[in-house]
Amino acid sequence: MICLNLILIKINCMQRFYLSSIVKKLIMSLSGLFLIIFLLVHLGANLTTLISRETYNEVCHFMDTNLLIRIMVPVLALGFIIHIFMAILLTLQNIKARGNDRYAIPGKTDISWASKNMFVLGAIVLGFLTLHLIHFWAKMQLQTFMGLASHPDPYELVAILFRNPLYTIVYLVWIGALWFHLTHGFWSALQSTGLNNNQWMPRLQVIGNIYAWVVCIGFAIIPLFFLLGFNS
């Protein structure tokens, strides 16, 4: 009887662990999909630097003063916090339970390098994001939120930073880490929401790769545009 009780307790603990893991993965996936949408919007705004100084500065002014965007900024920050927090929890949980395989696909043995290193890739992305926020957002939108005057010429701020070869190299390294993170994270997030059958999985992987290439090439063009002097 004692042995039976111990077995039942163990089964119950395993069930709670499994359900808890599923909920955490779902939350992280939904927050990840939210951030994926944000990346496209952010890329669209940044690509206006390729049009003209006036266009980009007008976009920045709109983003600084538009009420909806001002409301979405803390929502976006919360999305990042939730995504990072869940990633840390899942990584620690899985290392303790069965090793770092939280992105493994059942029955699949050829796990990608990105899958095995999602946490490290995420840490690299977060590290540069912090640097990016300090150099751009803190001098532009944050100033407006605080009732202060933002940078008088956002375009010039971008140009000065990206004319620096070191900053551009670091930025491109970040783009590389982001590419790996997205190529796996896109379809993995959708897999966690239930789209994980054999028919849809290859399609999601293709769509994820296309999305990652479009976003990363788009972001990479901007620093090279300034570094190579095309804005002159």
C-alpha atoms as a PDB file:
ATOM      1  CA  MET A   1       0.000   0.000   0.000  1.00  0.00           C
ATOM      2  CA  ILE A   2       2.843   2.379   0.859  1.00  0.00           C
ATOM      3  CA  CYS A   3       4.529   1.665  -2.461  1.00  0.00           C
ATOM      4  CA  LEU A   4       1.256   2.259  -4.303  1.00  0.00           C
ATOM      5  CA  ASN A   5       0.796   5.587  -2.549  1.00  0.00           C
ATOM      6  CA  LEU A   6       4.329   6.630  -3.466  1.00  0.00           C
ATOM      7  CA  ILE A   7       3.717   5.700  -7.091  1.00  0.00           C
ATOM      8  CA  LEU A   8       0.471   7.687  -7.151  1.00  0.00           C
ATOM      9  CA  ILE A   9       2.199  10.685  -5.582  1.00  0.00           C
ATOM     10  CA  LYS A  10       4.977  10.497  -8.166  1.00  0.00           C
ATOM     11  CA  ILE A  11       2.473  10.256 -11.026  1.00  0.00           C
ATOM     12  CA  ASN A  12       0.576  13.232  -9.636  1.00  0.00           C
ATOM     13  CA  CYS A  13       3.779  15.270  -9.397  1.00  0.00           C
ATOM     14  CA  MET A  14       4.708  14.352 -12.965  1.00  0.00           C
ATOM     15  CA  GLN A  15       1.275  15.380 -14.200  1.00  0.00           C
ATOM     16  CA  ARG A  16       1.483  18.732 -12.435  1.00  0.00           C
ATOM     17  CA  PHE A  17       4.982  19.276 -13.790  1.00  0.00           C
ATOM     18  CA  TYR A  18       3.852  18.450 -17.333  1.00  0.00           C
ATOM     19  CA  LEU A  19       0.798  20.710 -17.183  1.00  0.00           C
ATOM     20  CA  SER A  20       2.850  23.502 -15.637  1.00  0.00           C
ATOM     21  CA  SER A  21       5.416  23.154 -18.402  1.00  0.00           C
ATOM     22  CA  ILE A  22       2.714  23.293 -21.088  1.00  0.00           C
ATOM     23  CA  VAL A  23       1.212  26.469 -19.624  1.00  0.00           C
ATOM     24  CA  LYS A  24       4.620  28.140 -19.406  1.00  0.00           C
ATOM     25  CA  LYS A  25       5.469  27.172 -22.980  1.00  0.00           C
ATOM     26  CA  LEU A  26       2.118  28.504 -24.174  1.00  0.00           C
ATOM     27  CA  ILE A  27       2.615  31.831 -22.385  1.00  0.00           C
ATOM     28  CA  MET A  28       6.149  32.157 -23.744  1.00  0.00           C
ATOM     29  CA  SER A  29       4.960  31.263 -27.251  1.00  0.00           C
ATOM     30  CA  LEU A  30       2.115  33.791 -27.246  1.00  0.00           C
ATOM     31  CA  SER A  31       4.407  36.529 -25.937  1.00  0.00           C
ATOM     32  CA  GLY A  32       6.945  35.523 -28.589  1.00  0.00           C
ATOM     33  CA  LEU A  33       4.346  35.805 -31.371  1.00  0.00           C
ATOM     34  CA  PHE A  34       3.418  39.236 -30.034  1.00  0.00           C
ATOM     35  CA  LEU A  35       7.074  40.307 -30.247  1.00  0.00           C
ATOM     36  CA  ILE A  36       7.349  38.825 -33.754  1.00  0.00           C
ATOM     37  CA  ILE A  37       4.535  41.131 -34.899  1.00  0.00           C
ATOM     38  CA  PHE A  38       6.241  44.063 -33.187  1.00  0.00           C
ATOM     39  CA  LEU A  39       9.485  43.372 -35.074  1.00  0.00           C
ATOM     40  CA  LEU A  40       7.691  43.828 -38.407  1.00  0.00           C
ATOM     41  CA  VAL A  41       6.144  47.117 -37.278  1.00  0.00           C
ATOM     42  CA  HIS A  42       9.474  48.340 -35.901  1.00  0.00           C
ATOM     43  CA  LEU A  43      11.265  47.349 -39.095  1.00  0.00           C
ATOM     44  CA  GLY A  44       8.729  49.250 -41.188  1.00  0.00           C
ATOM     45  CA  ALA A  45       9.324  52.399 -39.137  1.00  0.00           C
ATOM     46  CA  ASN A  46      13.113  52.043 -39.282  1.00  0.00           C
ATOM     47  CA  LEU A  47      13.185  51.482 -43.038  1.00  0.00           C
ATOM     48  CA  THR A  48      11.913  55.030 -43.529  1.00  0.00           C
ATOM     49  CA  THR A  49      15.509  56.119 -42.822  1.00  0.00           C
ATOM     50  CA  LEU A  50      16.223  54.910 -46.363  1.00  0.00           C
ATOM     51  CA  ILE A  51      13.649  57.343 -47.777  1.00  0.00           C
ATOM     52  CA  SER A  52      14.706  60.659 -46.282  1.00  0.00           C
ATOM     53  CA  ARG A  53      15.627  62.492 -43.101  1.00  0.00           C
ATOM     54  CA  GLU A  54      12.263  64.261 -43.074  1.00  0.00           C
ATOM     55  CA  THR A  55      10.246  61.045 -43.424  1.00  0.00           C
ATOM     56  CA  TYR A  56      12.035  59.274 -40.588  1.00  0.00           C
ATOM     57  CA  ASN A  57      11.811  62.298 -38.282  1.00  0.00           C
ATOM     58  CA  GLU A  58       8.077  62.591 -38.988  1.00  0.00           C
ATOM     59  CA  VAL A  59       7.603  58.893 -38.148  1.00  0.00           C
ATOM     60  CA  CYS A  60       9.523  59.366 -34.884  1.00  0.00           C
ATOM     61  CA  HIS A  61       7.416  62.402 -33.999  1.00  0.00           C
ATOM     62  CA  PHE A  62       4.236  60.433 -34.705  1.00  0.00           C
ATOM     63  CA  MET A  63       5.415  57.561 -32.485  1.00  0.00           C
ATOM     64  CA  ASP A  64       6.353  59.981 -29.714  1.00  0.00           C
ATOM     65  CA  THR A  65       2.992  61.753 -29.659  1.00  0.00           C
ATOM     66  CA  ASN A  66       0.398  59.187 -30.774  1.00  0.00           C
ATOM     67  CA  LEU A  67      -1.761  58.127 -27.819  1.00  0.00           C
ATOM     68  CA  LEU A  68      -2.224  54.524 -28.966  1.00  0.00           C
ATOM     69  CA  ILE A  69       1.522  54.013 -29.366  1.00  0.00           C
ATOM     70  CA  ARG A  70       2.185  55.587 -25.959  1.00  0.00           C
ATOM     71  CA  ILE A  71      -0.249  53.067 -24.462  1.00  0.00           C
ATOM     72  CA  MET A  72       1.333  50.166 -26.354  1.00  0.00           C
ATOM     73  CA  VAL A  73       4.862  50.895 -25.120  1.00  0.00           C
ATOM     74  CA  PRO A  74       4.302  49.520 -21.580  1.00  0.00           C
ATOM     75  CA  VAL A  75       2.312  46.612 -23.101  1.00  0.00           C
ATOM     76  CA  LEU A  76       5.293  45.835 -25.318  1.00  0.00           C
ATOM     77  CA  ALA A  77       7.660  46.067 -22.354  1.00  0.00           C
ATOM     78  CA  LEU A  78       5.425  43.644 -20.449  1.00  0.00           C
ATOM     79  CA  GLY A  79       5.538  41.263 -23.410  1.00  0.00           C
ATOM     80  CA  PHE A  80       9.335  41.276 -23.320  1.00  0.00           C
ATOM     81  CA  ILE A  81       9.415  40.747 -19.551  1.00  0.00           C
ATOM     82  CA  ILE A  82       6.967  37.819 -19.706  1.00  0.00           C
ATOM     83  CA  HIS A  83       8.858  36.204 -22.599  1.00  0.00           C
ATOM     84  CA  ILE A  84      12.222  36.494 -20.841  1.00  0.00           C
ATOM     85  CA  PHE A  85      10.853  35.360 -17.474  1.00  0.00           C
ATOM     86  CA  MET A  86       9.204  32.274 -18.958  1.00  0.00           C
ATOM     87  CA  ALA A  87      12.342  31.436 -20.932  1.00  0.00           C
ATOM     88  CA  ILE A  88      14.394  31.494 -17.734  1.00  0.00           C
ATOM     89  CA  LEU A  89      11.848  29.392 -15.840  1.00  0.00           C
ATOM     90  CA  LEU A  90      11.577  26.784 -18.601  1.00  0.00           C
ATOM     91  CA  THR A  91      15.335  26.567 -19.043  1.00  0.00           C
ATOM     92  CA  LEU A  92      15.952  26.013 -15.338  1.00  0.00           C
ATOM     93  CA  GLN A  93      13.028  23.605 -15.099  1.00  0.00           C
ATOM     94  CA  ASN A  94      14.187  21.477 -18.003  1.00  0.00           C
ATOM     95  CA  ILE A  95      17.837  21.470 -17.015  1.00  0.00           C
ATOM     96  CA  LYS A  96      16.752  20.134 -13.644  1.00  0.00           C
ATOM     97  CA  ALA A  97      14.341  17.583 -15.106  1.00  0.00           C
ATOM     98  CA  ARG A  98      15.887  16.242 -18.307  1.00  0.00           C
ATOM     99  CA  GLY A  99      18.468  18.585 -19.789  1.00  0.00           C
ATOM    100  CA  ASN A 100      18.170  21.483 -22.204  1.00  0.00           C
ATOM    101  CA  ASP A 101      15.663  20.057 -24.712  1.00  0.00           C
ATOM    102  CA  ARG A 102      12.619  22.216 -24.221  1.00  0.00           C
ATOM    103  CA  TYR A 103      12.361  22.867 -27.961  1.00  0.00           C
ATOM    104  CA  ALA A 104      12.737  19.274 -29.030  1.00  0.00           C
ATOM    105  CA  ILE A 105      10.101  17.834 -31.321  1.00  0.00           C
ATOM    106  CA  PRO A 106       8.753  14.474 -30.159  1.00  0.00           C
ATOM    107  CA  GLY A 107      10.206  11.692 -32.285  1.00  0.00           C
ATOM    108  CA  LYS A 108      12.763  13.949 -33.955  1.00  0.00           C
ATOM    109  CA  THR A 109      16.446  13.368 -33.331  1.00  0.00           C
ATOM    110  CA  ASP A 110      18.051  15.919 -35.677  1.00  0.00           C
ATOM    111  CA  ILE A 111      17.579  18.883 -33.345  1.00  0.00           C
ATOM    112  CA  SER A 112      18.959  22.116 -34.805  1.00  0.00           C
ATOM    113  CA  TRP A 113      21.780  24.134 -33.312  1.00  0.00           C
ATOM    114  CA  ALA A 114      19.381  27.046 -32.794  1.00  0.00           C
ATOM    115  CA  SER A 115      17.024  24.777 -30.875  1.00  0.00           C
ATOM    116  CA  LYS A 116      19.785  23.723 -28.495  1.00  0.00           C
ATOM    117  CA  ASN A 117      20.966  27.304 -27.946  1.00  0.00           C
ATOM    118  CA  MET A 118      17.759  29.334 -27.844  1.00  0.00           C
ATOM    119  CA  PHE A 119      18.459  30.633 -24.343  1.00  0.00           C
ATOM    120  CA  VAL A 120      21.981  31.788 -25.269  1.00  0.00           C
ATOM    121  CA  LEU A 121      20.710  33.370 -28.486  1.00  0.00           C
ATOM    122  CA  GLY A 122      17.965  35.089 -26.520  1.00  0.00           C
ATOM    123  CA  ALA A 123      20.544  36.437 -24.063  1.00  0.00           C
ATOM    124  CA  ILE A 124      22.590  37.915 -26.943  1.00  0.00           C
ATOM    125  CA  VAL A 125      19.466  39.506 -28.422  1.00  0.00           C
ATOM    126  CA  LEU A 126      18.507  40.918 -25.015  1.00  0.00           C
ATOM    127  CA  GLY A 127      22.020  42.266 -24.435  1.00  0.00           C
ATOM    128  CA  PHE A 128      22.064  44.267 -27.636  1.00  0.00           C
ATOM    129  CA  LEU A 129      18.442  45.302 -27.179  1.00  0.00           C
ATOM    130  CA  THR A 130      19.464  46.934 -23.907  1.00  0.00           C
ATOM    131  CA  LEU A 131      22.285  48.768 -25.694  1.00  0.00           C
ATOM    132  CA  HIS A 132      19.883  49.752 -28.472  1.00  0.00           C
ATOM    133  CA  LEU A 133      17.375  51.158 -25.993  1.00  0.00           C
ATOM    134  CA  ILE A 134      20.062  53.229 -24.284  1.00  0.00           C
ATOM    135  CA  HIS A 135      21.309  54.701 -27.554  1.00  0.00           C
ATOM    136  CA  PHE A 136      17.968  55.314 -29.255  1.00  0.00           C
ATOM    137  CA  TRP A 137      14.778  54.930 -27.227  1.00  0.00           C
ATOM    138  CA  ALA A 138      16.160  56.617 -24.104  1.00  0.00           C
ATOM    139  CA  LYS A 139      17.141  59.681 -26.125  1.00  0.00           C
ATOM    140  CA  MET A 140      13.948  59.843 -28.144  1.00  0.00           C
ATOM    141  CA  GLN A 141      10.619  58.394 -26.992  1.00  0.00           C
ATOM    142  CA  LEU A 142      11.511  58.092 -23.304  1.00  0.00           C
ATOM    143  CA  GLN A 143      12.330  61.802 -23.174  1.00  0.00           C
ATOM    144  CA  THR A 144       8.878  62.611 -24.520  1.00  0.00           C
ATOM    145  CA  PHE A 145       7.209  60.296 -21.987  1.00  0.00           C
ATOM    146  CA  MET A 146       9.033  62.172 -19.215  1.00  0.00           C
ATOM    147  CA  GLY A 147       7.820  65.531 -20.488  1.00  0.00           C
ATOM    148  CA  LEU A 148      11.257  66.466 -21.814  1.00  0.00           C
ATOM    149  CA  ALA A 149      12.389  67.424 -25.275  1.00  0.00           C
ATOM    150  CA  SER A 150      13.450  64.410 -27.311  1.00  0.00           C
ATOM    151  CA  HIS A 151      16.462  64.409 -29.618  1.00  0.00           C
ATOM    152  CA  PRO A 152      15.959  67.292 -32.100  1.00  0.00           C
ATOM    153  CA  ASP A 153      17.085  65.193 -35.067  1.00  0.00           C
ATOM    154  CA  PRO A 154      16.501  61.429 -34.653  1.00  0.00           C
ATOM    155  CA  TYR A 155      17.818  60.782 -38.156  1.00  0.00           C
ATOM    156  CA  GLU A 156      21.177  62.328 -37.285  1.00  0.00           C
ATOM    157  CA  LEU A 157      21.322  60.233 -34.103  1.00  0.00           C
ATOM    158  CA  VAL A 158      20.900  57.080 -36.192  1.00  0.00           C
ATOM    159  CA  ALA A 159      23.424  58.259 -38.776  1.00  0.00           C
ATOM    160  CA  ILE A 160      26.121  59.034 -36.197  1.00  0.00           C
ATOM    161  CA  LEU A 161      25.843  55.644 -34.518  1.00  0.00           C
ATOM    162  CA  PHE A 162      25.779  53.593 -37.706  1.00  0.00           C
ATOM    163  CA  ARG A 163      28.717  55.467 -39.211  1.00  0.00           C
ATOM    164  CA  ASN A 164      30.715  53.916 -36.409  1.00  0.00           C
ATOM    165  CA  PRO A 165      32.093  50.618 -37.816  1.00  0.00           C
ATOM    166  CA  LEU A 166      32.319  49.011 -34.358  1.00  0.00           C
ATOM    167  CA  TYR A 167      28.693  49.738 -33.537  1.00  0.00           C
ATOM    168  CA  THR A 168      27.602  48.473 -36.947  1.00  0.00           C
ATOM    169  CA  ILE A 169      29.573  45.229 -36.512  1.00  0.00           C
ATOM    170  CA  VAL A 170      27.984  44.650 -33.100  1.00  0.00           C
ATOM    171  CA  TYR A 171      24.590  45.411 -34.624  1.00  0.00           C
ATOM    172  CA  LEU A 172      25.133  42.866 -37.404  1.00  0.00           C
ATOM    173  CA  VAL A 173      26.217  40.233 -34.867  1.00  0.00           C
ATOM    174  CA  TRP A 174      22.933  40.907 -33.087  1.00  0.00           C
ATOM    175  CA  ILE A 175      21.113  40.449 -36.401  1.00  0.00           C
ATOM    176  CA  GLY A 176      22.787  37.047 -36.775  1.00  0.00           C
ATOM    177  CA  ALA A 177      21.705  35.952 -33.307  1.00  0.00           C
ATOM    178  CA  LEU A 178      18.205  37.265 -34.003  1.00  0.00           C
ATOM    179  CA  TRP A 179      18.065  35.244 -37.248  1.00  0.00           C
ATOM    180  CA  PHE A 180      18.865  31.990 -35.453  1.00  0.00           C
ATOM    181  CA  HIS A 181      16.415  32.857 -32.664  1.00  0.00           C
ATOM    182  CA  LEU A 182      13.617  33.596 -35.138  1.00  0.00           C
ATOM    183  CA  THR A 183      14.159  30.643 -37.484  1.00  0.00           C
ATOM    184  CA  HIS A 184      13.455  28.315 -34.602  1.00  0.00           C
ATOM    185  CA  GLY A 185      11.232  30.500 -32.430  1.00  0.00           C
ATOM    186  CA  PHE A 186       8.646  31.263 -35.127  1.00  0.00           C
ATOM    187  CA  TRP A 187       7.482  27.726 -35.826  1.00  0.00           C
ATOM    188  CA  SER A 188       8.207  26.568 -32.281  1.00  0.00           C
ATOM    189  CA  ALA A 189       5.811  29.177 -30.921  1.00  0.00           C
ATOM    190  CA  LEU A 190       3.081  28.028 -33.304  1.00  0.00           C
ATOM    191  CA  GLN A 191       3.859  24.415 -32.444  1.00  0.00           C
ATOM    192  CA  SER A 192       3.233  25.176 -28.773  1.00  0.00           C
ATOM    193  CA  THR A 193      -0.191  26.596 -29.636  1.00  0.00           C
ATOM    194  CA  GLY A 194      -1.185  23.265 -31.205  1.00  0.00           C
ATOM    195  CA  LEU A 195      -0.123  23.536 -34.862  1.00  0.00           C
ATOM    196  CA  ASN A 196       2.281  20.618 -34.651  1.00  0.00           C
ATOM    197  CA  ASN A 197       0.979  17.986 -37.071  1.00  0.00           C
ATOM    198  CA  ASN A 198       3.161  16.526 -39.814  1.00  0.00           C
ATOM    199  CA  GLN A 199       1.351  18.458 -42.524  1.00  0.00           C
ATOM    200  CA  TRP A 200       1.722  21.919 -41.030  1.00  0.00           C
ATOM    201  CA  MET A 201       5.135  21.669 -39.386  1.00  0.00           C
ATOM    202  CA  PRO A 202       7.206  21.812 -42.637  1.00  0.00           C
ATOM    203  CA  ARG A 203       5.083  24.745 -43.832  1.00  0.00           C
ATOM    204  CA  LEU A 204       5.608  26.635 -40.585  1.00  0.00           C
ATOM    205  CA  GLN A 205       9.343  26.061 -40.792  1.00  0.00           C
ATOM    206  CA  VAL A 206       9.435  27.487 -44.325  1.00  0.00           C
ATOM    207  CA  ILE A 207       7.312  30.482 -43.321  1.00  0.00           C
ATOM    208  CA  GLY A 208       9.508  31.020 -40.260  1.00  0.00           C
ATOM    209  CA  ASN A 209      12.671  30.987 -42.381  1.00  0.00           C
ATOM    210  CA  ILE A 210      11.181  33.457 -44.873  1.00  0.00           C
ATOM    211  CA  TYR A 211      10.073  35.737 -42.051  1.00  0.00           C
ATOM    212  CA  ALA A 212      13.502  35.592 -40.380  1.00  0.00           C
ATOM    213  CA  TRP A 213      15.318  36.381 -43.627  1.00  0.00           C
ATOM    214  CA  VAL A 214      13.017  39.307 -44.469  1.00  0.00           C
ATOM    215  CA  VAL A 215      13.266  40.846 -41.000  1.00  0.00           C
ATOM    216  CA  CYS A 216      17.003  40.354 -40.581  1.00  0.00           C
ATOM    217  CA  ILE A 217      17.940  41.534 -44.075  1.00  0.00           C
ATOM    218  CA  GLY A 218      15.702  44.550 -43.539  1.00  0.00           C
ATOM    219  CA  PHE A 219      17.399  45.443 -40.269  1.00  0.00           C
ATOM    220  CA  ALA A 220      20.887  44.771 -41.705  1.00  0.00           C
ATOM    221  CA  ILE A 221      20.353  47.116 -44.666  1.00  0.00           C
ATOM    222  CA  ILE A 222      19.910  50.144 -42.391  1.00  0.00           C
ATOM    223  CA  PRO A 223      23.356  50.248 -40.697  1.00  0.00           C
ATOM    224  CA  LEU A 224      25.100  49.369 -43.985  1.00  0.00           C
ATOM    225  CA  PHE A 225      23.213  52.210 -45.690  1.00  0.00           C
ATOM    226  CA  PHE A 226      24.802  54.694 -43.293  1.00  0.00           C
ATOM    227  CA  LEU A 227      28.188  53.021 -42.927  1.00  0.00           C
ATOM    228  CA  LEU A 228      28.724  52.948 -46.700  1.00  0.00           C
ATOM    229  CA  GLY A 229      27.616  56.557 -47.045  1.00  0.00           C
ATOM    230  CA  PHE A 230      24.533  56.045 -49.195  1.00  0.00           C
ATOM    231  CA  ASN A 231      22.687  58.726 -47.205  1.00  0.00           C
ATOM    232  CA  SER A 232      25.219  61.418 -48.215  1.00  0.00           C
END
